[in-house]
Amino acid sequence: MVIENIIAAGVSVLALALTVIGALAYRRTRERSLVVLTAAFAVFFVKGLALSAYLFLGATDLTSLFLVVGGFDVLILGLFYVFTLRR
């Protein structure tokens, strides 16, 4: 159980770093498509936080976890799709 917590925290830190990098890139270039990319990474970070909270709290209801994580995944994929269309 400890390794899952470490991996979830590592993914959250990576997503946060990518969100910051995306925001800095947008600030530098003012390209609107980078806002969508940064939003996708931010949603990925929030997903990581939700997953970490679920693991740390030790909840046992997997149905709600799959629904929440699946919803985040659909949103992230949609944002990545919009990003690729805008380039």
PDB file of N, CA and C in Angstrom:
ATOM      1  N   MET A   1       0.822  -1.200   0.000  1.00  0.00           N
ATOM      2  CA  MET A   1       0.000   0.000   0.000  1.00  0.00           C
ATOM      3  C   MET A   1       0.861   1.257   0.000  1.00  0.00           C
ATOM      4  N   VAL A   2       2.047   1.175   0.530  1.00  0.00           N
ATOM      5  CA  VAL A   2       2.913   2.345   0.602  1.00  0.00           C
ATOM      6  C   VAL A   2       3.389   2.756  -0.786  1.00  0.00           C
ATOM      7  N   ILE A   3       3.704   1.788  -1.627  1.00  0.00           N
ATOM      8  CA  ILE A   3       4.218   2.096  -2.954  1.00  0.00           C
ATOM      9  C   ILE A   3       3.166   2.829  -3.792  1.00  0.00           C
ATOM     10  N   GLU A   4       1.887   2.482  -3.636  1.00  0.00           N
ATOM     11  CA  GLU A   4       0.826   3.178  -4.366  1.00  0.00           C
ATOM     12  C   GLU A   4       0.752   4.640  -3.955  1.00  0.00           C
ATOM     13  N   ASN A   5       0.917   4.905  -2.663  1.00  0.00           N
ATOM     14  CA  ASN A   5       0.895   6.279  -2.174  1.00  0.00           C
ATOM     15  C   ASN A   5       2.066   7.077  -2.733  1.00  0.00           C
ATOM     16  N   ILE A   6       3.235   6.458  -2.789  1.00  0.00           N
ATOM     17  CA  ILE A   6       4.417   7.146  -3.306  1.00  0.00           C
ATOM     18  C   ILE A   6       4.258   7.440  -4.792  1.00  0.00           C
ATOM     19  N   ILE A   7       3.747   6.475  -5.537  1.00  0.00           N
ATOM     20  CA  ILE A   7       3.552   6.679  -6.972  1.00  0.00           C
ATOM     21  C   ILE A   7       2.504   7.761  -7.227  1.00  0.00           C
ATOM     22  N   ALA A   8       1.401   7.729  -6.496  1.00  0.00           N
ATOM     23  CA  ALA A   8       0.351   8.738  -6.671  1.00  0.00           C
ATOM     24  C   ALA A   8       0.877  10.129  -6.333  1.00  0.00           C
ATOM     25  N   ALA A   9       1.674  10.237  -5.285  1.00  0.00           N
ATOM     26  CA  ALA A   9       2.249  11.538  -4.922  1.00  0.00           C
ATOM     27  C   ALA A   9       3.245  11.992  -5.992  1.00  0.00           C
ATOM     28  N   GLY A  10       4.038  11.069  -6.523  1.00  0.00           N
ATOM     29  CA  GLY A  10       4.992  11.418  -7.576  1.00  0.00           C
ATOM     30  C   GLY A  10       4.302  11.898  -8.841  1.00  0.00           C
ATOM     31  N   VAL A  11       3.209  11.249  -9.207  1.00  0.00           N
ATOM     32  CA  VAL A  11       2.446  11.677 -10.381  1.00  0.00           C
ATOM     33  C   VAL A  11       1.862  13.064 -10.147  1.00  0.00           C
ATOM     34  N   SER A  12       1.396  13.327  -8.951  1.00  0.00           N
ATOM     35  CA  SER A  12       0.845  14.655  -8.638  1.00  0.00           C
ATOM     36  C   SER A  12       1.915  15.735  -8.735  1.00  0.00           C
ATOM     37  N   VAL A  13       3.092  15.450  -8.233  1.00  0.00           N
ATOM     38  CA  VAL A  13       4.191  16.429  -8.300  1.00  0.00           C
ATOM     39  C   VAL A  13       4.585  16.679  -9.763  1.00  0.00           C
ATOM     40  N   LEU A  14       4.658  15.621 -10.552  1.00  0.00           N
ATOM     41  CA  LEU A  14       4.986  15.776 -11.969  1.00  0.00           C
ATOM     42  C   LEU A  14       3.921  16.595 -12.695  1.00  0.00           C
ATOM     43  N   ALA A  15       2.652  16.326 -12.419  1.00  0.00           N
ATOM     44  CA  ALA A  15       1.569  17.085 -13.045  1.00  0.00           C
ATOM     45  C   ALA A  15       1.615  18.549 -12.627  1.00  0.00           C
ATOM     46  N   LEU A  16       1.936  18.811 -11.369  1.00  0.00           N
ATOM     47  CA  LEU A  16       2.060  20.194 -10.916  1.00  0.00           C
ATOM     48  C   LEU A  16       3.219  20.888 -11.622  1.00  0.00           C
ATOM     49  N   ALA A  17       4.349  20.208 -11.765  1.00  0.00           N
ATOM     50  CA  ALA A  17       5.497  20.794 -12.461  1.00  0.00           C
ATOM     51  C   ALA A  17       5.141  21.098 -13.916  1.00  0.00           C
ATOM     52  N   LEU A  18       4.440  20.185 -14.585  1.00  0.00           N
ATOM     53  CA  LEU A  18       4.039  20.428 -15.969  1.00  0.00           C
ATOM     54  C   LEU A  18       3.029  21.565 -16.074  1.00  0.00           C
ATOM     55  N   THR A  19       2.171  21.714 -15.075  1.00  0.00           N
ATOM     56  CA  THR A  19       1.232  22.832 -15.056  1.00  0.00           C
ATOM     57  C   THR A  19       1.975  24.157 -14.949  1.00  0.00           C
ATOM     58  N   VAL A  20       2.955  24.212 -14.077  1.00  0.00           N
ATOM     59  CA  VAL A  20       3.744  25.444 -13.913  1.00  0.00           C
ATOM     60  C   VAL A  20       4.522  25.747 -15.191  1.00  0.00           C
ATOM     61  N   ILE A  21       5.134  24.724 -15.788  1.00  0.00           N
ATOM     62  CA  ILE A  21       5.885  24.919 -17.032  1.00  0.00           C
ATOM     63  C   ILE A  21       4.955  25.412 -18.143  1.00  0.00           C
ATOM     64  N   GLY A  22       3.770  24.838 -18.233  1.00  0.00           N
ATOM     65  CA  GLY A  22       2.800  25.279 -19.234  1.00  0.00           C
ATOM     66  C   GLY A  22       2.368  26.720 -19.017  1.00  0.00           C
ATOM     67  N   ALA A  23       2.151  27.099 -17.755  1.00  0.00           N
ATOM     68  CA  ALA A  23       1.766  28.476 -17.453  1.00  0.00           C
ATOM     69  C   ALA A  23       2.893  29.451 -17.798  1.00  0.00           C
ATOM     70  N   LEU A  24       4.113  29.064 -17.499  1.00  0.00           N
ATOM     71  CA  LEU A  24       5.252  29.921 -17.849  1.00  0.00           C
ATOM     72  C   LEU A  24       5.414  30.032 -19.361  1.00  0.00           C
ATOM     73  N   ALA A  25       5.196  28.937 -20.076  1.00  0.00           N
ATOM     74  CA  ALA A  25       5.287  28.967 -21.535  1.00  0.00           C
ATOM     75  C   ALA A  25       4.206  29.870 -22.119  1.00  0.00           C
ATOM     76  N   TYR A  26       3.002  29.803 -21.558  1.00  0.00           N
ATOM     77  CA  TYR A  26       1.940  30.689 -22.034  1.00  0.00           C
ATOM     78  C   TYR A  26       2.285  32.141 -21.767  1.00  0.00           C
ATOM     79  N   ARG A  27       2.792  32.401 -20.579  1.00  0.00           N
ATOM     80  CA  ARG A  27       3.148  33.780 -20.231  1.00  0.00           C
ATOM     81  C   ARG A  27       4.218  34.332 -21.165  1.00  0.00           C
ATOM     82  N   ARG A  28       5.082  33.455 -21.600  1.00  0.00           N
ATOM     83  CA  ARG A  28       6.172  33.888 -22.483  1.00  0.00           C
ATOM     84  C   ARG A  28       5.711  34.075 -23.936  1.00  0.00           C
ATOM     85  N   THR A  29       4.853  33.176 -24.433  1.00  0.00           N
ATOM     86  CA  THR A  29       4.484  33.209 -25.848  1.00  0.00           C
ATOM     87  C   THR A  29       3.095  33.775 -26.120  1.00  0.00           C
ATOM     88  N   ARG A  30       2.209  33.755 -25.146  1.00  0.00           N
ATOM     89  CA  ARG A  30       0.810  34.187 -25.275  1.00  0.00           C
ATOM     90  C   ARG A  30       0.048  33.403 -26.336  1.00  0.00           C
ATOM     91  N   GLU A  31       0.424  32.148 -26.531  1.00  0.00           N
ATOM     92  CA  GLU A  31      -0.297  31.269 -27.448  1.00  0.00           C
ATOM     93  C   GLU A  31      -1.488  30.676 -26.726  1.00  0.00           C
ATOM     94  N   ARG A  32      -2.678  30.862 -27.291  1.00  0.00           N
ATOM     95  CA  ARG A  32      -3.893  30.416 -26.609  1.00  0.00           C
ATOM     96  C   ARG A  32      -3.968  28.900 -26.443  1.00  0.00           C
ATOM     97  N   SER A  33      -3.360  28.164 -27.356  1.00  0.00           N
ATOM     98  CA  SER A  33      -3.422  26.706 -27.242  1.00  0.00           C
ATOM     99  C   SER A  33      -2.688  26.218 -25.990  1.00  0.00           C
ATOM    100  N   LEU A  34      -1.732  26.984 -25.522  1.00  0.00           N
ATOM    101  CA  LEU A  34      -1.013  26.593 -24.299  1.00  0.00           C
ATOM    102  C   LEU A  34      -1.888  26.709 -23.057  1.00  0.00           C
ATOM    103  N   VAL A  35      -2.913  27.545 -23.119  1.00  0.00           N
ATOM    104  CA  VAL A  35      -3.856  27.631 -21.996  1.00  0.00           C
ATOM    105  C   VAL A  35      -4.602  26.304 -21.857  1.00  0.00           C
ATOM    106  N   VAL A  36      -4.992  25.728 -22.996  1.00  0.00           N
ATOM    107  CA  VAL A  36      -5.705  24.449 -22.970  1.00  0.00           C
ATOM    108  C   VAL A  36      -4.780  23.352 -22.451  1.00  0.00           C
ATOM    109  N   LEU A  37      -3.544  23.362 -22.905  1.00  0.00           N
ATOM    110  CA  LEU A  37      -2.579  22.364 -22.435  1.00  0.00           C
ATOM    111  C   LEU A  37      -2.326  22.505 -20.939  1.00  0.00           C
ATOM    112  N   THR A  38      -2.173  23.734 -20.480  1.00  0.00           N
ATOM    113  CA  THR A  38      -1.957  23.979 -19.051  1.00  0.00           C
ATOM    114  C   THR A  38      -3.174  23.535 -18.242  1.00  0.00           C
ATOM    115  N   ALA A  39      -4.356  23.773 -18.772  1.00  0.00           N
ATOM    116  CA  ALA A  39      -5.578  23.322 -18.085  1.00  0.00           C
ATOM    117  C   ALA A  39      -5.617  21.796 -17.991  1.00  0.00           C
ATOM    118  N   ALA A  40      -5.186  21.123 -19.050  1.00  0.00           N
ATOM    119  CA  ALA A  40      -5.161  19.649 -19.022  1.00  0.00           C
ATOM    120  C   ALA A  40      -4.208  19.154 -17.940  1.00  0.00           C
ATOM    121  N   PHE A  41      -3.036  19.763 -17.852  1.00  0.00           N
ATOM    122  CA  PHE A  41      -2.092  19.355 -16.807  1.00  0.00           C
ATOM    123  C   PHE A  41      -2.630  19.699 -15.416  1.00  0.00           C
ATOM    124  N   ALA A  42      -3.335  20.818 -15.295  1.00  0.00           N
ATOM    125  CA  ALA A  42      -3.916  21.183 -14.002  1.00  0.00           C
ATOM    126  C   ALA A  42      -4.989  20.173 -13.581  1.00  0.00           C
ATOM    127  N   VAL A  43      -5.805  19.732 -14.529  1.00  0.00           N
ATOM    128  CA  VAL A  43      -6.817  18.712 -14.215  1.00  0.00           C
ATOM    129  C   VAL A  43      -6.132  17.406 -13.831  1.00  0.00           C
ATOM    130  N   PHE A  44      -5.030  17.095 -14.518  1.00  0.00           N
ATOM    131  CA  PHE A  44      -4.271  15.892 -14.172  1.00  0.00           C
ATOM    132  C   PHE A  44      -3.737  15.998 -12.744  1.00  0.00           C
ATOM    133  N   PHE A  45      -3.300  17.192 -12.341  1.00  0.00           N
ATOM    134  CA  PHE A  45      -2.825  17.414 -10.975  1.00  0.00           C
ATOM    135  C   PHE A  45      -3.963  17.211  -9.972  1.00  0.00           C
ATOM    136  N   VAL A  46      -5.121  17.755 -10.272  1.00  0.00           N
ATOM    137  CA  VAL A  46      -6.271  17.596  -9.371  1.00  0.00           C
ATOM    138  C   VAL A  46      -6.669  16.126  -9.275  1.00  0.00           C
ATOM    139  N   LYS A  47      -6.594  15.425 -10.403  1.00  0.00           N
ATOM    140  CA  LYS A  47      -6.873  13.985 -10.396  1.00  0.00           C
ATOM    141  C   LYS A  47      -5.889  13.255  -9.477  1.00  0.00           C
ATOM    142  N   GLY A  48      -4.626  13.625  -9.555  1.00  0.00           N
ATOM    143  CA  GLY A  48      -3.619  13.025  -8.683  1.00  0.00           C
ATOM    144  C   GLY A  48      -3.895  13.311  -7.213  1.00  0.00           C
ATOM    145  N   LEU A  49      -4.322  14.538  -6.926  1.00  0.00           N
ATOM    146  CA  LEU A  49      -4.671  14.878  -5.539  1.00  0.00           C
ATOM    147  C   LEU A  49      -5.858  14.049  -5.056  1.00  0.00           C
ATOM    148  N   ALA A  50      -6.854  13.898  -5.922  1.00  0.00           N
ATOM    149  CA  ALA A  50      -8.029  13.107  -5.538  1.00  0.00           C
ATOM    150  C   ALA A  50      -7.643  11.649  -5.300  1.00  0.00           C
ATOM    151  N   LEU A  51      -6.808  11.117  -6.173  1.00  0.00           N
ATOM    152  CA  LEU A  51      -6.367   9.728  -6.007  1.00  0.00           C
ATOM    153  C   LEU A  51      -5.525   9.573  -4.743  1.00  0.00           C
ATOM    154  N   SER A  52      -4.644  10.537  -4.486  1.00  0.00           N
ATOM    155  CA  SER A  52      -3.826  10.489  -3.267  1.00  0.00           C
ATOM    156  C   SER A  52      -4.701  10.548  -2.021  1.00  0.00           C
ATOM    157  N   ALA A  53      -5.681  11.441  -2.036  1.00  0.00           N
ATOM    158  CA  ALA A  53      -6.579  11.552  -0.887  1.00  0.00           C
ATOM    159  C   ALA A  53      -7.340  10.252  -0.677  1.00  0.00           C
ATOM    160  N   TYR A  54      -7.777   9.647  -1.765  1.00  0.00           N
ATOM    161  CA  TYR A  54      -8.494   8.375  -1.663  1.00  0.00           C
ATOM    162  C   TYR A  54      -7.600   7.304  -1.042  1.00  0.00           C
ATOM    163  N   LEU A  55      -6.351   7.234  -1.488  1.00  0.00           N
ATOM    164  CA  LEU A  55      -5.436   6.223  -0.960  1.00  0.00           C
ATOM    165  C   LEU A  55      -5.071   6.486   0.497  1.00  0.00           C
ATOM    166  N   PHE A  56      -4.850   7.754   0.847  1.00  0.00           N
ATOM    167  CA  PHE A  56      -4.466   8.077   2.224  1.00  0.00           C
ATOM    168  C   PHE A  56      -5.615   7.886   3.200  1.00  0.00           C
ATOM    169  N   LEU A  57      -6.840   8.132   2.732  1.00  0.00           N
ATOM    170  CA  LEU A  57      -7.985   7.958   3.616  1.00  0.00           C
ATOM    171  C   LEU A  57      -8.377   6.495   3.760  1.00  0.00           C
ATOM    172  N   GLY A  58      -7.902   5.664   2.862  1.00  0.00           N
ATOM    173  CA  GLY A  58      -8.194   4.241   2.952  1.00  0.00           C
ATOM    174  C   GLY A  58      -9.635   3.887   2.652  1.00  0.00           C
ATOM    175  N   ALA A  59     -10.276   4.657   1.783  1.00  0.00           N
ATOM    176  CA  ALA A  59     -11.661   4.372   1.421  1.00  0.00           C
ATOM    177  C   ALA A  59     -11.736   3.049   0.662  1.00  0.00           C
ATOM    178  N   THR A  60     -12.883   2.387   0.754  1.00  0.00           N
ATOM    179  CA  THR A  60     -13.021   1.066   0.139  1.00  0.00           C
ATOM    180  C   THR A  60     -14.025   1.040  -1.004  1.00  0.00           C
ATOM    181  N   ASP A  61     -14.675   2.141  -1.309  1.00  0.00           N
ATOM    182  CA  ASP A  61     -15.682   2.184  -2.366  1.00  0.00           C
ATOM    183  C   ASP A  61     -15.002   2.429  -3.711  1.00  0.00           C
ATOM    184  N   LEU A  62     -14.734   1.352  -4.441  1.00  0.00           N
ATOM    185  CA  LEU A  62     -14.032   1.470  -5.724  1.00  0.00           C
ATOM    186  C   LEU A  62     -14.904   2.053  -6.822  1.00  0.00           C
ATOM    187  N   THR A  63     -16.228   1.911  -6.711  1.00  0.00           N
ATOM    188  CA  THR A  63     -17.113   2.437  -7.739  1.00  0.00           C
ATOM    189  C   THR A  63     -16.988   3.943  -7.858  1.00  0.00           C
ATOM    190  N   SER A  64     -17.020   4.631  -6.743  1.00  0.00           N
ATOM    191  CA  SER A  64     -16.901   6.089  -6.793  1.00  0.00           C
ATOM    192  C   SER A  64     -15.512   6.507  -7.268  1.00  0.00           C
ATOM    193  N   LEU A  65     -14.480   5.761  -6.893  1.00  0.00           N
ATOM    194  CA  LEU A  65     -13.126   6.073  -7.362  1.00  0.00           C
ATOM    195  C   LEU A  65     -13.048   5.960  -8.878  1.00  0.00           C
ATOM    196  N   PHE A  66     -13.577   4.878  -9.439  1.00  0.00           N
ATOM    197  CA  PHE A  66     -13.543   4.698 -10.895  1.00  0.00           C
ATOM    198  C   PHE A  66     -14.343   5.783 -11.610  1.00  0.00           C
ATOM    199  N   LEU A  67     -15.461   6.191 -11.049  1.00  0.00           N
ATOM    200  CA  LEU A  67     -16.262   7.247 -11.669  1.00  0.00           C
ATOM    201  C   LEU A  67     -15.527   8.578 -11.662  1.00  0.00           C
ATOM    202  N   VAL A  68     -14.936   8.923 -10.545  1.00  0.00           N
ATOM    203  CA  VAL A  68     -14.221  10.197 -10.446  1.00  0.00           C
ATOM    204  C   VAL A  68     -12.988  10.204 -11.338  1.00  0.00           C
ATOM    205  N   VAL A  69     -12.180   9.152 -11.243  1.00  0.00           N
ATOM    206  CA  VAL A  69     -10.957   9.082 -12.054  1.00  0.00           C
ATOM    207  C   VAL A  69     -11.310   9.004 -13.539  1.00  0.00           C
ATOM    208  N   GLY A  70     -12.347   8.257 -13.884  1.00  0.00           N
ATOM    209  CA  GLY A  70     -12.784   8.182 -15.278  1.00  0.00           C
ATOM    210  C   GLY A  70     -13.256   9.528 -15.804  1.00  0.00           C
ATOM    211  N   GLY A  71     -13.972  10.272 -14.971  1.00  0.00           N
ATOM    212  CA  GLY A  71     -14.402  11.609 -15.366  1.00  0.00           C
ATOM    213  C   GLY A  71     -13.223  12.536 -15.610  1.00  0.00           C
ATOM    214  N   PHE A  72     -12.243  12.478 -14.727  1.00  0.00           N
ATOM    215  CA  PHE A  72     -11.036  13.282 -14.935  1.00  0.00           C
ATOM    216  C   PHE A  72     -10.320  12.871 -16.223  1.00  0.00           C
ATOM    217  N   ASP A  73     -10.238  11.576 -16.473  1.00  0.00           N
ATOM    218  CA  ASP A  73      -9.561  11.091 -17.674  1.00  0.00           C
ATOM    219  C   ASP A  73     -10.253  11.587 -18.947  1.00  0.00           C
ATOM    220  N   VAL A  74     -11.572  11.535 -18.966  1.00  0.00           N
ATOM    221  CA  VAL A  74     -12.319  12.020 -20.132  1.00  0.00           C
ATOM    222  C   VAL A  74     -12.067  13.510 -20.338  1.00  0.00           C
ATOM    223  N   LEU A  75     -12.085  14.269 -19.265  1.00  0.00           N
ATOM    224  CA  LEU A  75     -11.820  15.712 -19.362  1.00  0.00           C
ATOM    225  C   LEU A  75     -10.404  15.986 -19.849  1.00  0.00           C
ATOM    226  N   ILE A  76      -9.432  15.268 -19.331  1.00  0.00           N
ATOM    227  CA  ILE A  76      -8.033  15.447 -19.742  1.00  0.00           C
ATOM    228  C   ILE A  76      -7.870  15.105 -21.220  1.00  0.00           C
ATOM    229  N   LEU A  77      -8.433  13.982 -21.649  1.00  0.00           N
ATOM    230  CA  LEU A  77      -8.331  13.600 -23.057  1.00  0.00           C
ATOM    231  C   LEU A  77      -9.012  14.621 -23.966  1.00  0.00           C
ATOM    232  N   GLY A  78     -10.140  15.141 -23.528  1.00  0.00           N
ATOM    233  CA  GLY A  78     -10.813  16.186 -24.308  1.00  0.00           C
ATOM    234  C   GLY A  78      -9.961  17.438 -24.440  1.00  0.00           C
ATOM    235  N   LEU A  79      -9.317  17.842 -23.365  1.00  0.00           N
ATOM    236  CA  LEU A  79      -8.449  19.021 -23.416  1.00  0.00           C
ATOM    237  C   LEU A  79      -7.234  18.782 -24.303  1.00  0.00           C
ATOM    238  N   PHE A  80      -6.650  17.592 -24.227  1.00  0.00           N
ATOM    239  CA  PHE A  80      -5.527  17.276 -25.116  1.00  0.00           C
ATOM    240  C   PHE A  80      -5.974  17.285 -26.580  1.00  0.00           C
ATOM    241  N   TYR A  81      -7.181  16.797 -26.844  1.00  0.00           N
ATOM    242  CA  TYR A  81      -7.706  16.801 -28.197  1.00  0.00           C
ATOM    243  C   TYR A  81      -7.880  18.232 -28.708  1.00  0.00           C
ATOM    244  N   VAL A  82      -8.451  19.085 -27.878  1.00  0.00           N
ATOM    245  CA  VAL A  82      -8.621  20.492 -28.257  1.00  0.00           C
ATOM    246  C   VAL A  82      -7.258  21.146 -28.481  1.00  0.00           C
ATOM    247  N   PHE A  83      -6.290  20.827 -27.644  1.00  0.00           N
ATOM    248  CA  PHE A  83      -4.941  21.384 -27.807  1.00  0.00           C
ATOM    249  C   PHE A  83      -4.360  21.003 -29.152  1.00  0.00           C
ATOM    250  N   THR A  84      -4.513  19.745 -29.546  1.00  0.00           N
ATOM    251  CA  THR A  84      -3.928  19.312 -30.828  1.00  0.00           C
ATOM    252  C   THR A  84      -4.658  19.929 -32.003  1.00  0.00           C
ATOM    253  N   LEU A  85      -5.950  20.196 -31.862  1.00  0.00           N
ATOM    254  CA  LEU A  85      -6.695  20.834 -32.949  1.00  0.00           C
ATOM    255  C   LEU A  85      -6.318  22.303 -33.121  1.00  0.00           C
ATOM    256  N   ARG A  86      -5.984  22.960 -32.041  1.00  0.00           N
ATOM    257  CA  ARG A  86      -5.686  24.399 -32.092  1.00  0.00           C
ATOM    258  C   ARG A  86      -4.282  24.702 -32.584  1.00  0.00           C
ATOM    259  N   ARG A  87      -3.430  23.720 -32.668  1.00  0.00           N
ATOM    260  CA  ARG A  87      -2.050  23.960 -33.101  1.00  0.00           C
ATOM    261  C   ARG A  87      -1.970  24.077 -34.556  1.00  0.00           C
TER     262      ARG A  87
END
